Amino acid sequence: MHFRPLHDRVLVRRLDAEEKTAGGIIIPDTAKEKPQQGEIVATGPGARNEQGQLVQLDVKPGDRVLFGKWSGTEVKIDGEEFLIMKESDLLGVMDEAGTLKKAA
């Protein structure tokens, strides 16, 4: 893929929604909500502050993130669907176990 987001934007690939509920009920495709978790595919260089200095993003490619239900703009690149959104639209970064990381 040859795409680089600008400024403080990120390119996110949605992660697949769960096929079953916790009780084991299979959810049909028509009833599934779009997942609110994704993986960062690419990031822009960052935004500029009032002094004109580049402020790098806190996320990097490969990070699993949580975002709002209506966040981002859906785009199709090389036949695959992605979301482009600002870093400020992200709600949090998840660790490998799938839980939200605590702020340092």
Protein backbone atom coordinates (compact mmCIF):
# COMPACT_ATOMS: atom_id res chain seq x y z
CA MET A 1 0.00 0.00 0.00
CA HIS A 2 1.30 3.45 -0.87
CA PHE A 3 -0.63 5.81 1.40
CA ARG A 4 0.64 8.24 4.02
CA PRO A 5 -1.83 10.25 6.13
CA LEU A 6 -1.14 13.95 6.55
CA HIS A 7 -0.55 15.87 9.78
CA ASP A 8 -2.14 14.20 12.85
CA ARG A 9 -4.29 11.72 10.94
CA VAL A 10 -4.10 7.93 11.17
CA LEU A 11 -5.20 5.12 8.86
CA VAL A 12 -7.11 2.41 10.76
CA ARG A 13 -8.19 -1.09 9.70
CA ARG A 14 -11.30 -2.20 11.59
CA LEU A 15 -10.96 -5.45 13.49
CA ASP A 16 -13.65 -8.05 12.83
CA ALA A 17 -16.68 -8.06 15.12
CA GLU A 18 -17.38 -11.05 17.34
CA GLU A 19 -19.45 -13.77 15.67
CA LYS A 20 -21.01 -14.93 18.98
CA THR A 21 -22.29 -13.34 22.16
CA ALA A 22 -20.87 -14.30 25.55
CA GLY A 23 -23.79 -16.72 25.93
CA GLY A 24 -22.91 -18.48 22.66
CA ILE A 25 -25.62 -16.99 20.44
CA ILE A 26 -24.41 -16.54 16.84
CA ILE A 27 -25.00 -13.02 15.53
CA PRO A 28 -26.11 -12.77 11.86
CA ASP A 29 -24.24 -10.30 9.61
CA THR A 30 -27.30 -8.04 9.29
CA ALA A 31 -27.51 -7.55 13.08
CA LYS A 32 -23.81 -6.90 13.71
CA GLU A 33 -22.65 -3.45 14.63
CA LYS A 34 -19.48 -2.16 13.06
CA PRO A 35 -16.57 -2.81 15.40
CA GLN A 36 -15.12 0.08 17.35
CA GLN A 37 -11.67 -1.49 17.54
CA GLY A 38 -8.99 -1.27 14.91
CA GLU A 39 -5.32 -1.54 14.10
CA ILE A 40 -3.22 1.46 13.11
CA VAL A 41 -1.88 0.86 9.59
CA ALA A 42 -0.17 4.21 8.96
CA THR A 43 0.28 7.55 10.73
CA GLY A 44 1.02 11.07 9.63
CA PRO A 45 4.14 12.91 10.86
CA GLY A 46 2.19 14.84 13.55
CA ALA A 47 0.68 18.27 14.08
CA ARG A 48 2.45 21.57 14.58
CA ASN A 49 2.09 23.49 17.84
CA GLU A 50 1.78 27.27 18.14
CA GLN A 51 5.56 27.65 17.95
CA GLY A 52 5.65 25.71 14.68
CA GLN A 53 7.35 22.65 16.20
CA LEU A 54 6.30 19.20 15.06
CA VAL A 55 4.49 17.25 17.80
CA GLN A 56 4.70 13.52 17.03
CA LEU A 57 1.74 11.20 17.49
CA ASP A 58 1.36 8.88 20.50
CA VAL A 59 0.28 5.93 18.34
CA LYS A 60 2.30 3.90 15.84
CA PRO A 61 1.52 1.32 13.15
CA GLY A 62 0.50 -1.98 14.72
CA ASP A 63 -1.20 -0.44 17.77
CA ARG A 64 -4.71 -1.73 18.54
CA VAL A 65 -6.99 1.21 19.28
CA LEU A 66 -10.54 1.95 20.37
CA PHE A 67 -12.50 4.71 18.63
CA GLY A 68 -15.98 6.24 18.69
CA LYS A 69 -18.89 4.69 16.82
CA TRP A 70 -19.14 7.55 14.29
CA SER A 71 -15.43 8.45 14.12
CA GLY A 72 -13.44 8.77 10.94
CA THR A 73 -14.06 8.76 7.23
CA GLU A 74 -14.44 5.43 5.47
CA VAL A 75 -12.18 4.99 2.43
CA LYS A 76 -11.32 2.09 0.15
CA ILE A 77 -7.63 1.66 -0.77
CA ASP A 78 -6.51 -1.21 -3.00
CA GLY A 79 -9.94 -2.82 -2.54
CA GLU A 80 -9.72 -2.86 1.28
CA GLU A 81 -11.83 -0.67 3.58
CA PHE A 82 -10.11 1.63 6.09
CA LEU A 83 -10.93 4.60 8.30
CA ILE A 84 -9.01 7.87 8.28
CA MET A 85 -9.32 9.90 11.47
CA LYS A 86 -7.46 12.40 13.60
CA GLU A 87 -5.49 11.05 16.51
CA SER A 88 -7.76 13.03 18.84
CA ASP A 89 -10.71 10.84 17.67
CA LEU A 90 -9.03 7.77 19.19
CA LEU A 91 -10.29 6.85 22.66
CA GLY A 92 -7.42 4.63 23.77
CA VAL A 93 -4.70 2.14 22.91
CA MET A 94 -5.18 -1.53 23.82
CA ASP A 95 -2.49 -3.94 24.99
CA GLU A 96 -1.88 -7.39 23.51
CA ALA A 97 -4.47 -8.98 25.84
CA GLY A 98 -7.18 -6.67 24.44
CA THR A 99 -7.53 -4.38 27.46
CA LEU A 100 -7.04 -0.64 27.51
CA LYS A 101 -3.56 0.50 28.52
CA LYS A 102 -3.33 2.71 31.60
CA ALA A 103 -1.93 6.20 31.17
CA ALA A 104 1.68 6.54 32.27
